[in-house]
Amino acid sequence: MCRNIKPLFNFEPPATGNEMHDAALQFVRKISGYNTPSQANEAAFYEAVEEVEKTVRKLLRALETNAPPKDREIEAAKKRERNKLRFGT
């Protein structure tokens, strides 16, 4: 759906509250079509961000896996390498 929303599950260290908030904000921005809502829509917009963030936290607590946690630095390096191949230097 949105390239800027990153997977947050099964990483070491675990996703931070900031990362969950940023993902929720990006999701609501995408759904609403607003980068910054108008004053008339501001309350509904930020309420939706809070609700999505709560749902993300609940989901990440409930998910289970037998796979070992992924290392953030290694995954970031892989992403940089894929971007080099895709876009060049």
N, C-alpha and C. Protein backbone atom coordinates (compact mmCIF):
# COMPACT_ATOMS: atom_id res chain seq x y z
N MET A 1 0.81 -1.18 0.00
CA MET A 1 0.00 0.00 0.00
C MET A 1 0.86 1.25 0.00
N CYS A 2 1.79 1.33 0.91
CA CYS A 2 2.62 2.53 1.00
C CYS A 2 4.06 2.11 1.23
N ARG A 3 4.94 2.54 0.40
CA ARG A 3 6.33 2.13 0.51
C ARG A 3 7.01 2.62 1.77
N ASN A 4 6.48 3.67 2.38
CA ASN A 4 7.13 4.24 3.56
C ASN A 4 6.76 3.52 4.85
N ILE A 5 5.79 2.64 4.82
CA ILE A 5 5.44 1.90 6.03
C ILE A 5 6.31 0.64 6.06
N LYS A 6 7.13 0.53 7.10
CA LYS A 6 8.08 -0.57 7.21
C LYS A 6 7.51 -1.67 8.10
N PRO A 7 7.90 -2.92 7.85
CA PRO A 7 7.52 -4.00 8.77
C PRO A 7 8.08 -3.69 10.16
N LEU A 8 7.30 -3.98 11.19
CA LEU A 8 7.72 -3.69 12.56
C LEU A 8 7.82 -4.94 13.43
N PHE A 9 7.34 -6.06 12.92
CA PHE A 9 7.29 -7.28 13.72
C PHE A 9 8.57 -8.09 13.61
N ASN A 10 8.96 -8.67 14.72
CA ASN A 10 10.07 -9.62 14.81
C ASN A 10 11.42 -8.99 14.49
N PHE A 11 11.69 -7.86 15.10
CA PHE A 11 12.99 -7.21 14.96
C PHE A 11 13.64 -7.10 16.32
N GLU A 12 14.95 -7.09 16.31
CA GLU A 12 15.72 -6.88 17.53
C GLU A 12 16.60 -5.67 17.31
N PRO A 13 16.47 -4.63 18.05
CA PRO A 13 15.52 -4.41 19.13
C PRO A 13 14.10 -4.22 18.58
N PRO A 14 13.10 -4.45 19.43
CA PRO A 14 11.71 -4.34 18.99
C PRO A 14 11.36 -2.92 18.52
N ALA A 15 10.27 -2.82 17.79
CA ALA A 15 9.80 -1.53 17.30
C ALA A 15 9.56 -0.57 18.47
N THR A 16 9.92 0.67 18.25
CA THR A 16 9.73 1.69 19.28
C THR A 16 8.34 2.32 19.14
N GLY A 17 7.93 3.01 20.17
CA GLY A 17 6.67 3.73 20.12
C GLY A 17 6.66 4.75 19.00
N ASN A 18 7.80 5.37 18.77
CA ASN A 18 7.92 6.34 17.68
C ASN A 18 7.67 5.69 16.32
N GLU A 19 8.25 4.52 16.11
CA GLU A 19 8.06 3.81 14.84
C GLU A 19 6.60 3.42 14.64
N MET A 20 5.95 2.99 15.71
CA MET A 20 4.53 2.63 15.62
C MET A 20 3.69 3.86 15.31
N HIS A 21 4.00 4.97 15.96
CA HIS A 21 3.27 6.21 15.71
C HIS A 21 3.47 6.67 14.26
N ASP A 22 4.72 6.63 13.79
CA ASP A 22 5.02 7.05 12.42
C ASP A 22 4.28 6.19 11.39
N ALA A 23 4.22 4.89 11.63
CA ALA A 23 3.49 4.00 10.72
C ALA A 23 2.00 4.32 10.74
N ALA A 24 1.44 4.58 11.92
CA ALA A 24 0.03 4.93 12.03
C ALA A 24 -0.25 6.25 11.32
N LEU A 25 0.61 7.23 11.52
CA LEU A 25 0.45 8.52 10.87
C LEU A 25 0.50 8.38 9.35
N GLN A 26 1.46 7.62 8.85
CA GLN A 26 1.60 7.42 7.40
C GLN A 26 0.36 6.72 6.85
N PHE A 27 -0.16 5.75 7.57
CA PHE A 27 -1.35 5.03 7.14
C PHE A 27 -2.55 5.97 7.05
N VAL A 28 -2.77 6.77 8.08
CA VAL A 28 -3.91 7.70 8.09
C VAL A 28 -3.73 8.76 7.00
N ARG A 29 -2.51 9.22 6.78
CA ARG A 29 -2.27 10.17 5.70
C ARG A 29 -2.66 9.56 4.35
N LYS A 30 -2.28 8.33 4.15
CA LYS A 30 -2.57 7.66 2.88
C LYS A 30 -4.07 7.49 2.69
N ILE A 31 -4.75 7.03 3.73
CA ILE A 31 -6.19 6.77 3.65
C ILE A 31 -6.96 8.07 3.45
N SER A 32 -6.58 9.11 4.20
CA SER A 32 -7.34 10.37 4.16
C SER A 32 -6.99 11.24 2.96
N GLY A 33 -5.79 11.06 2.44
CA GLY A 33 -5.34 11.92 1.35
C GLY A 33 -4.75 13.23 1.84
N TYR A 34 -4.65 13.40 3.16
CA TYR A 34 -4.09 14.62 3.74
C TYR A 34 -2.69 14.37 4.26
N ASN A 35 -1.77 15.28 3.94
CA ASN A 35 -0.48 15.26 4.60
C ASN A 35 -0.63 15.98 5.94
N THR A 36 -1.33 17.10 5.90
CA THR A 36 -1.69 17.86 7.09
C THR A 36 -3.18 18.18 6.96
N PRO A 37 -3.99 17.77 7.92
CA PRO A 37 -5.43 17.99 7.78
C PRO A 37 -5.82 19.46 7.99
N SER A 38 -6.96 19.83 7.45
CA SER A 38 -7.49 21.17 7.70
C SER A 38 -7.94 21.26 9.16
N GLN A 39 -8.18 22.47 9.62
CA GLN A 39 -8.63 22.64 11.01
C GLN A 39 -9.94 21.89 11.25
N ALA A 40 -10.80 21.87 10.25
CA ALA A 40 -12.09 21.21 10.39
C ALA A 40 -11.93 19.70 10.57
N ASN A 41 -10.88 19.12 10.01
CA ASN A 41 -10.67 17.67 10.07
C ASN A 41 -9.56 17.25 11.02
N GLU A 42 -8.92 18.20 11.65
CA GLU A 42 -7.75 17.91 12.50
C GLU A 42 -8.07 16.93 13.63
N ALA A 43 -9.16 17.14 14.36
CA ALA A 43 -9.49 16.27 15.50
C ALA A 43 -9.73 14.84 15.04
N ALA A 44 -10.50 14.67 13.98
CA ALA A 44 -10.78 13.32 13.47
C ALA A 44 -9.52 12.65 12.97
N PHE A 45 -8.66 13.42 12.29
CA PHE A 45 -7.42 12.90 11.75
C PHE A 45 -6.52 12.34 12.86
N TYR A 46 -6.28 13.16 13.90
CA TYR A 46 -5.38 12.73 14.95
C TYR A 46 -5.99 11.67 15.86
N GLU A 47 -7.31 11.66 15.97
CA GLU A 47 -7.97 10.57 16.69
C GLU A 47 -7.77 9.26 15.95
N ALA A 48 -7.87 9.30 14.63
CA ALA A 48 -7.63 8.10 13.83
C ALA A 48 -6.19 7.61 13.98
N VAL A 49 -5.24 8.54 14.01
CA VAL A 49 -3.83 8.16 14.20
C VAL A 49 -3.67 7.43 15.53
N GLU A 50 -4.28 7.95 16.59
CA GLU A 50 -4.19 7.31 17.91
C GLU A 50 -4.81 5.92 17.90
N GLU A 51 -5.96 5.78 17.26
CA GLU A 51 -6.63 4.48 17.21
C GLU A 51 -5.81 3.45 16.42
N VAL A 52 -5.26 3.88 15.30
CA VAL A 52 -4.43 2.97 14.50
C VAL A 52 -3.19 2.58 15.28
N GLU A 53 -2.59 3.53 15.98
CA GLU A 53 -1.39 3.23 16.78
C GLU A 53 -1.72 2.21 17.88
N LYS A 54 -2.86 2.36 18.54
CA LYS A 54 -3.28 1.38 19.56
C LYS A 54 -3.43 0.00 18.95
N THR A 55 -4.02 -0.04 17.76
CA THR A 55 -4.23 -1.32 17.08
C THR A 55 -2.90 -1.95 16.69
N VAL A 56 -1.96 -1.13 16.24
CA VAL A 56 -0.62 -1.64 15.89
C VAL A 56 0.05 -2.24 17.12
N ARG A 57 0.00 -1.53 18.24
CA ARG A 57 0.60 -2.05 19.48
C ARG A 57 -0.03 -3.39 19.87
N LYS A 58 -1.35 -3.44 19.82
CA LYS A 58 -2.08 -4.66 20.17
C LYS A 58 -1.68 -5.82 19.24
N LEU A 59 -1.61 -5.53 17.95
CA LEU A 59 -1.23 -6.56 16.98
C LEU A 59 0.19 -7.07 17.24
N LEU A 60 1.13 -6.16 17.43
CA LEU A 60 2.52 -6.59 17.63
C LEU A 60 2.69 -7.40 18.91
N ARG A 61 1.90 -7.09 19.95
CA ARG A 61 1.95 -7.89 21.18
C ARG A 61 1.37 -9.28 20.97
N ALA A 62 0.37 -9.40 20.09
CA ALA A 62 -0.33 -10.67 19.91
C ALA A 62 0.36 -11.61 18.93
N LEU A 63 1.13 -11.08 17.99
CA LEU A 63 1.76 -11.93 16.98
C LEU A 63 2.81 -12.84 17.60
N GLU A 64 2.91 -14.04 17.06
CA GLU A 64 3.91 -15.01 17.51
C GLU A 64 4.65 -15.56 16.31
N THR A 65 5.89 -15.95 16.53
CA THR A 65 6.68 -16.57 15.48
C THR A 65 7.74 -17.46 16.10
N ASN A 66 8.16 -18.45 15.34
CA ASN A 66 9.28 -19.30 15.76
C ASN A 66 10.58 -18.84 15.10
N ALA A 67 10.47 -17.90 14.17
CA ALA A 67 11.65 -17.39 13.47
C ALA A 67 12.47 -16.51 14.41
N PRO A 68 13.78 -16.56 14.26
CA PRO A 68 14.61 -15.69 15.10
C PRO A 68 14.39 -14.23 14.71
N PRO A 69 14.52 -13.30 15.65
CA PRO A 69 14.34 -11.89 15.32
C PRO A 69 15.36 -11.42 14.29
N LYS A 70 14.92 -10.53 13.41
CA LYS A 70 15.80 -9.96 12.40
C LYS A 70 16.57 -8.80 13.02
N ASP A 71 17.81 -8.65 12.59
CA ASP A 71 18.65 -7.56 13.06
C ASP A 71 18.38 -6.33 12.20
N ARG A 72 18.07 -5.23 12.84
CA ARG A 72 17.72 -4.00 12.11
C ARG A 72 18.85 -3.52 11.20
N GLU A 73 20.08 -3.59 11.68
CA GLU A 73 21.21 -3.11 10.88
C GLU A 73 21.42 -3.97 9.64
N ILE A 74 21.31 -5.27 9.79
CA ILE A 74 21.48 -6.17 8.65
C ILE A 74 20.38 -5.93 7.63
N GLU A 75 19.14 -5.79 8.08
CA GLU A 75 18.01 -5.55 7.18
C GLU A 75 18.16 -4.20 6.47
N ALA A 76 18.65 -3.19 7.18
CA ALA A 76 18.88 -1.87 6.57
C ALA A 76 19.96 -1.95 5.50
N ALA A 77 21.01 -2.74 5.77
CA ALA A 77 22.08 -2.91 4.78
C ALA A 77 21.56 -3.61 3.54
N LYS A 78 20.72 -4.62 3.72
CA LYS A 78 20.12 -5.32 2.58
C LYS A 78 19.28 -4.36 1.74
N LYS A 79 18.52 -3.51 2.43
CA LYS A 79 17.67 -2.54 1.72
C LYS A 79 18.52 -1.55 0.93
N ARG A 80 19.61 -1.08 1.54
CA ARG A 80 20.50 -0.16 0.82
C ARG A 80 21.08 -0.82 -0.43
N GLU A 81 21.45 -2.09 -0.30
CA GLU A 81 22.02 -2.82 -1.44
C GLU A 81 20.97 -2.99 -2.56
N ARG A 82 19.74 -3.33 -2.17
CA ARG A 82 18.66 -3.44 -3.18
C ARG A 82 18.43 -2.11 -3.87
N ASN A 83 18.48 -1.03 -3.11
CA ASN A 83 18.29 0.31 -3.70
C ASN A 83 19.41 0.67 -4.65
N LYS A 84 20.64 0.27 -4.32
CA LYS A 84 21.77 0.51 -5.23
C LYS A 84 21.54 -0.20 -6.56
N LEU A 85 21.12 -1.47 -6.49
CA LEU A 85 20.86 -2.23 -7.70
C LEU A 85 19.70 -1.63 -8.49
N ARG A 86 18.72 -1.16 -7.80
CA ARG A 86 17.52 -0.63 -8.46
C ARG A 86 17.75 0.77 -9.04
N PHE A 87 18.38 1.65 -8.26
CA PHE A 87 18.51 3.04 -8.66
C PHE A 87 19.92 3.46 -9.04
N GLY A 88 20.89 2.59 -8.84
CA GLY A 88 22.29 2.97 -9.10
C GLY A 88 22.88 3.69 -7.91
N THR A 89 24.09 4.18 -8.04
CA THR A 89 24.77 4.83 -6.91
C THR A 89 24.32 6.21 -6.63
